[in-house]
Structures are given as structure tokens and as C-alpha cells.
Amino acid sequence: MTSAQDFATYIAGLPRILAGAAALFRDSEGRVLLVEPNYREGWALPGGTIESDDGETPRQGARRETLEEIGLDRELGRLLAVDWVYRPGIPPLVAYLYDGGVLGEDELKAIRLQEEELLSWRLVPREELDDYLLGFLGGRVRVALDVLAEGAGTAELENGRRVS
């Protein structure tokens, strides 16, 4: 029989993976809601790290981060994409992207930014996403928009590119 200490040692030796979750919000014209972080280059979607050590699920994390970052507490729609992001020297990231739905005029006016982390927000048309989103996030967002347009199932991605 394995002791609790042996199991803890085993767990401590396993590879580490970061996990994040975000929501894809659009307006009636199909523009994507992006937020501008004050702690790094480029823009992002409302979302962040899943507090998995506390038992938080990806869906719960995306909803919590949306409430914290833009002040909207909305039931999220279906899972649009899961992205495995590998960068040398950094633990891999699994990024979950949920459908936040279409925001109406009243909801857009109700956005309240988390001033500790965010500078601004804006609605960006698909053709301008690469001007704002760095790294693999642009690919992830474009695939998610395709999934919505096609009515397709959840997309599996690696480094922002569809693999299924």
C-alpha cells in the first residue's frame, strides 16, 4: 500500500501544466470584445488562470474572470476551442475558450473594467484581430469564430492551429 507521503512525492514529480479559460463576446456586428492588460504587451479576451487548486473548473474560471475583469456575470455558452500551447522554457498551457454570446447595447454600457489589471476595452472586427492579439491567441479566436459560423463542434488546437 502506498503512503500519503509517497503519493505526494509522486504527484510533485509529475509535469506541470498551466490552465486558462476565456470567453468570446461579440456585438451585433460580429466584432470581438478585447481587453487591454496593463501587465503585458498585446490585447486579450476576458479570462485568465483557472484556480484549479481550489477545485475551480474551466467554465467556472472563465465566468469568474469575466465578472472580475469586465463586471458582467453571464452564463457562458458552449466550449468553442481547446488549445494546447507549448513554448520552450515555460510550462505548457491548456486554454479553454467559451462562447460568451452577443452583447447588447445595455450590456456593453454596463462593462466596468478591473482597473488593477486592465487599461481599456474595445470591439474589434475579425480582419483587425492580428493588429491586437499576439502569439497564438489570434488563431484561437479566428478558429472559435469559424466554429460559431459553421455550427461545428469544439475545435482542438495546438499553438493556435486547428488539428481536428
Protein backbone atom coordinates (compact mmCIF):
# COMPACT_ATOMS: atom_id res chain seq x y z
CA MET A 1 0.00 0.00 0.00
CA THR A 2 1.28 3.46 -0.91
CA SER A 3 1.59 6.01 1.86
CA ALA A 4 0.20 9.53 1.57
CA GLN A 5 3.77 10.87 1.57
CA ASP A 6 4.78 8.54 -1.29
CA PHE A 7 1.76 9.68 -3.29
CA ALA A 8 2.54 13.35 -2.58
CA THR A 9 6.12 12.78 -3.76
CA TYR A 10 4.82 11.09 -6.91
CA ILE A 11 2.42 13.98 -7.64
CA ALA A 12 5.18 16.56 -7.02
CA GLY A 13 7.30 14.87 -9.70
CA LEU A 14 4.66 15.00 -12.43
CA PRO A 15 4.88 17.55 -15.26
CA ARG A 16 3.19 20.89 -14.64
CA ILE A 17 0.58 22.32 -16.98
CA LEU A 18 -0.96 25.79 -16.72
CA ALA A 19 -4.67 26.16 -17.44
CA GLY A 20 -6.60 29.23 -18.54
CA ALA A 21 -10.12 29.98 -19.66
CA ALA A 22 -11.71 32.87 -21.51
CA ALA A 23 -14.98 33.98 -23.05
CA LEU A 24 -15.55 35.13 -26.62
CA PHE A 25 -18.04 38.01 -26.62
CA ARG A 26 -19.30 39.71 -29.77
CA ASP A 27 -21.56 42.61 -30.59
CA SER A 28 -24.45 42.58 -33.09
CA GLU A 29 -21.98 43.38 -35.90
CA GLY A 30 -19.79 40.37 -35.08
CA ARG A 31 -16.93 42.39 -33.61
CA VAL A 32 -14.96 40.70 -30.81
CA LEU A 33 -14.64 42.23 -27.34
CA LEU A 34 -10.96 42.59 -26.41
CA VAL A 35 -9.40 43.93 -23.23
CA GLU A 36 -6.03 45.68 -22.89
CA PRO A 37 -3.96 44.35 -19.96
CA ASN A 38 -1.57 46.69 -18.15
CA TYR A 39 0.88 43.90 -17.29
CA ARG A 40 1.92 42.68 -20.76
CA GLU A 41 2.01 43.55 -24.45
CA GLY A 42 -0.98 42.96 -26.69
CA TRP A 43 -4.68 42.61 -26.05
CA ALA A 44 -6.65 39.64 -24.71
CA LEU A 45 -10.09 38.18 -24.22
CA PRO A 46 -11.78 38.43 -20.83
CA GLY A 47 -10.37 35.46 -18.96
CA GLY A 48 -7.39 34.20 -17.06
CA THR A 49 -5.94 31.43 -14.94
CA ILE A 50 -8.19 28.67 -13.68
CA GLU A 51 -7.91 28.34 -9.91
CA SER A 52 -7.69 24.56 -10.20
CA ASP A 53 -6.00 24.11 -6.82
CA ASP A 54 -9.27 25.38 -5.31
CA GLY A 55 -11.39 23.00 -7.42
CA GLU A 56 -12.45 25.58 -9.98
CA THR A 57 -13.43 24.17 -13.38
CA PRO A 58 -12.53 25.85 -16.70
CA ARG A 59 -16.12 27.06 -17.19
CA GLN A 60 -16.26 28.47 -13.65
CA GLY A 61 -12.89 30.15 -14.18
CA ALA A 62 -13.99 31.82 -17.41
CA ARG A 63 -17.18 33.11 -15.76
CA ARG A 64 -15.33 34.34 -12.64
CA GLU A 65 -12.66 36.09 -14.70
CA THR A 66 -15.32 37.72 -16.89
CA LEU A 67 -17.06 39.08 -13.81
CA GLU A 68 -13.77 40.27 -12.29
CA GLU A 69 -12.38 41.83 -15.47
CA ILE A 70 -15.40 43.43 -17.15
CA GLY A 71 -18.12 43.31 -14.49
CA LEU A 72 -20.51 41.05 -16.43
CA ASP A 73 -21.83 37.89 -14.79
CA ARG A 74 -23.21 35.83 -17.66
CA GLU A 75 -23.92 32.18 -18.14
CA LEU A 76 -21.42 31.06 -20.77
CA GLY A 77 -22.35 29.05 -23.83
CA ARG A 78 -20.63 26.05 -25.27
CA LEU A 79 -16.94 25.27 -25.39
CA LEU A 80 -15.65 26.52 -28.74
CA ALA A 81 -11.99 25.58 -28.62
CA VAL A 82 -9.29 23.93 -26.52
CA ASP A 83 -5.74 24.97 -27.34
CA TRP A 84 -2.54 23.21 -26.24
CA VAL A 85 0.15 25.88 -26.22
CA TYR A 86 3.78 24.87 -25.89
CA ARG A 87 6.59 27.37 -25.58
CA PRO A 88 10.14 26.30 -24.66
CA GLY A 89 11.12 27.21 -21.12
CA ILE A 90 7.53 27.72 -19.92
CA PRO A 91 5.12 25.02 -18.74
CA PRO A 92 2.54 24.12 -21.39
CA LEU A 93 -0.81 25.92 -21.27
CA VAL A 94 -4.23 24.44 -21.92
CA ALA A 95 -6.56 27.29 -22.94
CA TYR A 96 -10.34 26.82 -22.92
CA LEU A 97 -12.45 29.24 -24.94
CA TYR A 98 -16.21 29.53 -24.31
CA ASP A 99 -18.96 31.28 -26.23
CA GLY A 100 -19.86 34.42 -24.28
CA GLY A 101 -22.61 35.27 -26.73
CA VAL A 102 -23.65 38.54 -28.32
CA LEU A 103 -23.69 41.58 -26.03
CA GLY A 104 -26.46 44.11 -26.49
CA GLU A 105 -26.15 47.86 -26.12
CA ASP A 106 -27.11 47.81 -22.43
CA GLU A 107 -24.54 45.12 -21.60
CA LEU A 108 -21.79 46.98 -23.45
CA LYS A 109 -22.64 50.13 -21.47
CA ALA A 110 -22.52 48.08 -18.24
CA ILE A 111 -18.88 46.99 -18.76
CA ARG A 112 -16.74 48.02 -15.79
CA LEU A 113 -13.03 47.30 -16.13
CA GLN A 114 -10.91 45.79 -13.39
CA GLU A 115 -8.58 48.78 -13.08
CA GLU A 116 -5.82 46.81 -11.32
CA GLU A 117 -5.22 44.75 -14.48
CA LEU A 118 -6.90 46.42 -17.46
CA LEU A 119 -6.43 49.72 -19.27
CA SER A 120 -9.29 49.62 -21.77
CA TRP A 121 -11.62 47.51 -23.90
CA ARG A 122 -12.79 47.69 -27.49
CA LEU A 123 -14.75 45.85 -30.15
CA VAL A 124 -12.54 44.63 -32.99
CA PRO A 125 -13.62 43.25 -36.40
CA ARG A 126 -12.20 39.87 -37.40
CA GLU A 127 -9.98 41.36 -40.10
CA GLU A 128 -8.19 43.53 -37.49
CA LEU A 129 -7.62 40.87 -34.82
CA ASP A 130 -3.95 40.36 -35.75
CA ASP A 131 -3.31 44.04 -35.00
CA TYR A 132 -4.26 43.40 -31.35
CA LEU A 133 -3.72 39.72 -30.49
CA LEU A 134 -0.16 38.45 -30.12
CA GLY A 135 1.09 34.88 -30.23
CA PHE A 136 -1.35 32.05 -30.66
CA LEU A 137 -4.42 33.89 -29.35
CA GLY A 138 -5.34 35.34 -32.75
CA GLY A 139 -5.52 31.88 -34.28
CA ARG A 140 -7.57 30.59 -31.36
CA VAL A 141 -10.09 33.42 -31.72
CA ARG A 142 -10.39 33.02 -35.51
CA VAL A 143 -10.99 29.26 -35.17
CA ALA A 144 -13.62 29.91 -32.49
CA LEU A 145 -15.37 32.38 -34.80
CA ASP A 146 -15.30 29.74 -37.55
CA VAL A 147 -16.79 27.16 -35.16
CA LEU A 148 -19.63 29.57 -34.43
CA ALA A 149 -20.22 30.38 -38.10
CA GLU A 150 -20.12 26.72 -39.18
CA GLY A 151 -22.14 25.40 -36.25
CA ALA A 152 -19.28 22.93 -35.80
CA GLY A 153 -18.28 21.10 -32.64
CA THR A 154 -15.47 22.12 -30.30
CA ALA A 155 -12.17 22.65 -32.11
CA GLU A 156 -8.95 21.06 -30.89
CA LEU A 157 -5.93 23.30 -31.42
CA GLU A 158 -2.19 23.16 -30.91
CA ASN A 159 -0.44 26.51 -30.71
CA GLY A 160 -3.47 28.29 -32.15
CA ARG A 161 -3.91 25.98 -35.14
CA ARG A 162 -6.75 23.54 -35.67
CA VAL A 163 -5.77 19.87 -35.53
CA SER A 164 -9.25 18.33 -35.74
